[in-house]
Structure formats: C-alpha cells, structure tokens
C-alpha cells in the first residue's frame, strides 16, 4: 500500500506529460500487447 501512495505522490509531483505517459503504459499493459 505504501508503494501505491508513493506513486500517487510522485504522479502529483511530476508534470502532466509524465502522468499521461504513465497512463498510456498502464493501458498498454492492460491490453497485453502495445501497438
């Protein structure tokens, strides 16, 4: 759980662009195949 909180804090600290990139990565992982 600590990791999740840390990630949230990092996302808030990081710029929006990075957050968007992370979200895209999560989506790719969910689909299983990226591209």
PDB file of N, CA and C in Angstrom:
ATOM      1  N   UNK A   1       0.859  -1.209   0.000  1.00  0.00           N
ATOM      2  CA  UNK A   1       0.000   0.000   0.000  1.00  0.00           C
ATOM      3  C   UNK A   1       0.888   1.249   0.000  1.00  0.00           C
ATOM      4  N   UNK A   2       2.016   1.120   0.676  1.00  0.00           N
ATOM      5  CA  UNK A   2       2.939   2.275   0.733  1.00  0.00           C
ATOM      6  C   UNK A   2       3.375   2.637  -0.681  1.00  0.00           C
ATOM      7  N   UNK A   3       3.612   1.619  -1.485  1.00  0.00           N
ATOM      8  CA  UNK A   3       4.062   1.873  -2.861  1.00  0.00           C
ATOM      9  C   UNK A   3       3.008   2.671  -3.613  1.00  0.00           C
ATOM     10  N   UNK A   4       1.769   2.266  -3.494  1.00  0.00           N
ATOM     11  CA  UNK A   4       0.689   2.966  -4.199  1.00  0.00           C
ATOM     12  C   UNK A   4       0.655   4.430  -3.802  1.00  0.00           C
ATOM     13  N   UNK A   5       0.764   4.685  -2.520  1.00  0.00           N
ATOM     14  CA  UNK A   5       0.728   6.090  -2.052  1.00  0.00           C
ATOM     15  C   UNK A   5       1.923   6.851  -2.620  1.00  0.00           C
ATOM     16  N   UNK A   6       3.068   6.213  -2.585  1.00  0.00           N
ATOM     17  CA  UNK A   6       4.282   6.866  -3.107  1.00  0.00           C
ATOM     18  C   UNK A   6       4.095   7.203  -4.584  1.00  0.00           C
ATOM     19  N   UNK A   7       3.519   6.270  -5.308  1.00  0.00           N
ATOM     20  CA  UNK A   7       3.317   6.503  -6.755  1.00  0.00           C
ATOM     21  C   UNK A   7       2.384   7.692  -6.950  1.00  0.00           C
ATOM     22  N   UNK A   8       1.341   7.749  -6.154  1.00  0.00           N
ATOM     23  CA  UNK A   8       0.374   8.862  -6.293  1.00  0.00           C
ATOM     24  C   UNK A   8       1.086  10.186  -6.020  1.00  0.00           C
ATOM     25  N   UNK A   9       1.904  10.191  -5.002  1.00  0.00           N
ATOM     26  CA  UNK A   9       2.629  11.428  -4.651  1.00  0.00           C
ATOM     27  C   UNK A   9       3.550  11.808  -5.808  1.00  0.00           C
ATOM     28  N   UNK A  10       4.209  10.822  -6.369  1.00  0.00           N
ATOM     29  CA  UNK A  10       5.139  11.096  -7.474  1.00  0.00           C
ATOM     30  C   UNK A  10       4.373  11.643  -8.669  1.00  0.00           C
ATOM     31  N   UNK A  11       3.252  11.039  -8.950  1.00  0.00           N
ATOM     32  CA  UNK A  11       2.441  11.486 -10.100  1.00  0.00           C
ATOM     33  C   UNK A  11       2.038  12.942  -9.901  1.00  0.00           C
ATOM     34  N   UNK A  12       1.704  13.291  -8.668  1.00  0.00           N
ATOM     35  CA  UNK A  12       1.281  14.681  -8.408  1.00  0.00           C
ATOM     36  C   UNK A  12       2.475  15.621  -8.585  1.00  0.00           C
ATOM     37  N   UNK A  13       3.641  15.150  -8.169  1.00  0.00           N
ATOM     38  CA  UNK A  13       4.846  15.991  -8.283  1.00  0.00           C
ATOM     39  C   UNK A  13       5.244  16.116  -9.755  1.00  0.00           C
ATOM     40  N   UNK A  14       5.185  15.001 -10.450  1.00  0.00           N
ATOM     41  CA  UNK A  14       5.595  15.011 -11.863  1.00  0.00           C
ATOM     42  C   UNK A  14       4.644  15.845 -12.713  1.00  0.00           C
ATOM     43  N   UNK A  15       5.107  16.316 -13.854  1.00  0.00           N
ATOM     44  CA  UNK A  15       4.277  17.108 -14.770  1.00  0.00           C
ATOM     45  C   UNK A  15       3.167  16.275 -15.386  1.00  0.00           C
ATOM     46  N   UNK A  16       2.226  16.945 -16.002  1.00  0.00           N
ATOM     47  CA  UNK A  16       1.083  16.245 -16.588  1.00  0.00           C
ATOM     48  C   UNK A  16       1.540  15.309 -17.695  1.00  0.00           C
ATOM     49  N   UNK A  17       2.542  15.738 -18.447  1.00  0.00           N
ATOM     50  CA  UNK A  17       3.014  14.912 -19.564  1.00  0.00           C
ATOM     51  C   UNK A  17       3.433  13.538 -19.043  1.00  0.00           C
ATOM     52  N   UNK A  18       4.214  13.530 -17.978  1.00  0.00           N
ATOM     53  CA  UNK A  18       4.676  12.248 -17.441  1.00  0.00           C
ATOM     54  C   UNK A  18       3.491  11.390 -17.007  1.00  0.00           C
ATOM     55  N   UNK A  19       2.539  12.026 -16.384  1.00  0.00           N
ATOM     56  CA  UNK A  19       1.359  11.280 -15.929  1.00  0.00           C
ATOM     57  C   UNK A  19       0.670  10.636 -17.127  1.00  0.00           C
ATOM     58  N   UNK A  20       0.542  11.411 -18.199  1.00  0.00           N
ATOM     59  CA  UNK A  20      -0.130  10.887 -19.398  1.00  0.00           C
ATOM     60  C   UNK A  20       0.661   9.693 -19.932  1.00  0.00           C
ATOM     61  N   UNK A  21       1.946   9.826 -19.920  1.00  0.00           N
ATOM     62  CA  UNK A  21       2.787   8.735 -20.432  1.00  0.00           C
ATOM     63  C   UNK A  21       2.596   7.482 -19.575  1.00  0.00           C
ATOM     64  N   UNK A  22       2.569   7.686 -18.289  1.00  0.00           N
ATOM     65  CA  UNK A  22       2.388   6.540 -17.383  1.00  0.00           C
ATOM     66  C   UNK A  22       1.038   5.875 -17.658  1.00  0.00           C
ATOM     67  N   UNK A  23       0.027   6.707 -17.862  1.00  0.00           N
ATOM     68  CA  UNK A  23      -1.326   6.163 -18.100  1.00  0.00           C
ATOM     69  C   UNK A  23      -1.293   5.329 -19.380  1.00  0.00           C
ATOM     70  N   UNK A  24      -0.624   5.819 -20.378  1.00  0.00           N
ATOM     71  CA  UNK A  24      -0.551   5.094 -21.655  1.00  0.00           C
ATOM     72  C   UNK A  24       0.126   3.739 -21.414  1.00  0.00           C
ATOM     73  N   UNK A  25       1.160   3.754 -20.622  1.00  0.00           N
ATOM     74  CA  UNK A  25       1.862   2.497 -20.339  1.00  0.00           C
ATOM     75  C   UNK A  25       0.919   1.518 -19.644  1.00  0.00           C
ATOM     76  N   UNK A  26       0.156   2.015 -18.715  1.00  0.00           N
ATOM     77  CA  UNK A  26      -0.789   1.147 -17.983  1.00  0.00           C
ATOM     78  C   UNK A  26      -1.793   0.554 -18.976  1.00  0.00           C
ATOM     79  N   UNK A  27      -2.272   1.382 -19.876  1.00  0.00           N
ATOM     80  CA  UNK A  27      -3.258   0.913 -20.863  1.00  0.00           C
ATOM     81  C   UNK A  27      -2.636  -0.188 -21.712  1.00  0.00           C
ATOM     82  N   UNK A  28      -1.427   0.037 -22.148  1.00  0.00           N
ATOM     83  CA  UNK A  28      -0.744  -0.950 -22.993  1.00  0.00           C
ATOM     84  C   UNK A  28      -0.607  -2.265 -22.221  1.00  0.00           C
ATOM     85  N   UNK A  29      -0.281  -2.164 -20.961  1.00  0.00           N
ATOM     86  CA  UNK A  29      -0.116  -3.383 -20.149  1.00  0.00           C
ATOM     87  C   UNK A  29      -1.464  -4.097 -20.022  1.00  0.00           C
ATOM     88  N   UNK A  30      -2.517  -3.331 -19.860  1.00  0.00           N
ATOM     89  CA  UNK A  30      -3.852  -3.942 -19.690  1.00  0.00           C
ATOM     90  C   UNK A  30      -4.217  -4.717 -20.953  1.00  0.00           C
ATOM     91  N   UNK A  31      -3.974  -4.113 -22.111  1.00  0.00           N
ATOM     92  CA  UNK A  31      -4.325  -4.772 -23.367  1.00  0.00           C
ATOM     93  C   UNK A  31      -3.420  -5.988 -23.581  1.00  0.00           C
ATOM     94  N   UNK A  32      -2.233  -5.944 -23.011  1.00  0.00           N
ATOM     95  CA  UNK A  32      -1.350  -7.089 -23.161  1.00  0.00           C
ATOM     96  C   UNK A  32      -0.345  -6.859 -24.266  1.00  0.00           C
ATOM     97  N   UNK A  33      -0.778  -6.284 -25.350  1.00  0.00           N
ATOM     98  CA  UNK A  33       0.154  -6.012 -26.468  1.00  0.00           C
ATOM     99  C   UNK A  33       0.110  -4.523 -26.791  1.00  0.00           C
ATOM    100  N   UNK A  34       1.257  -3.875 -26.792  1.00  0.00           N
ATOM    101  CA  UNK A  34       1.302  -2.418 -27.053  1.00  0.00           C
ATOM    102  C   UNK A  34       1.614  -2.172 -28.525  1.00  0.00           C
ATOM    103  N   UNK A  35       0.723  -1.499 -29.230  1.00  0.00           N
ATOM    104  CA  UNK A  35       0.957  -1.193 -30.626  1.00  0.00           C
ATOM    105  C   UNK A  35       0.267  -2.211 -31.504  1.00  0.00           C
TER     106      UNK A  35
END
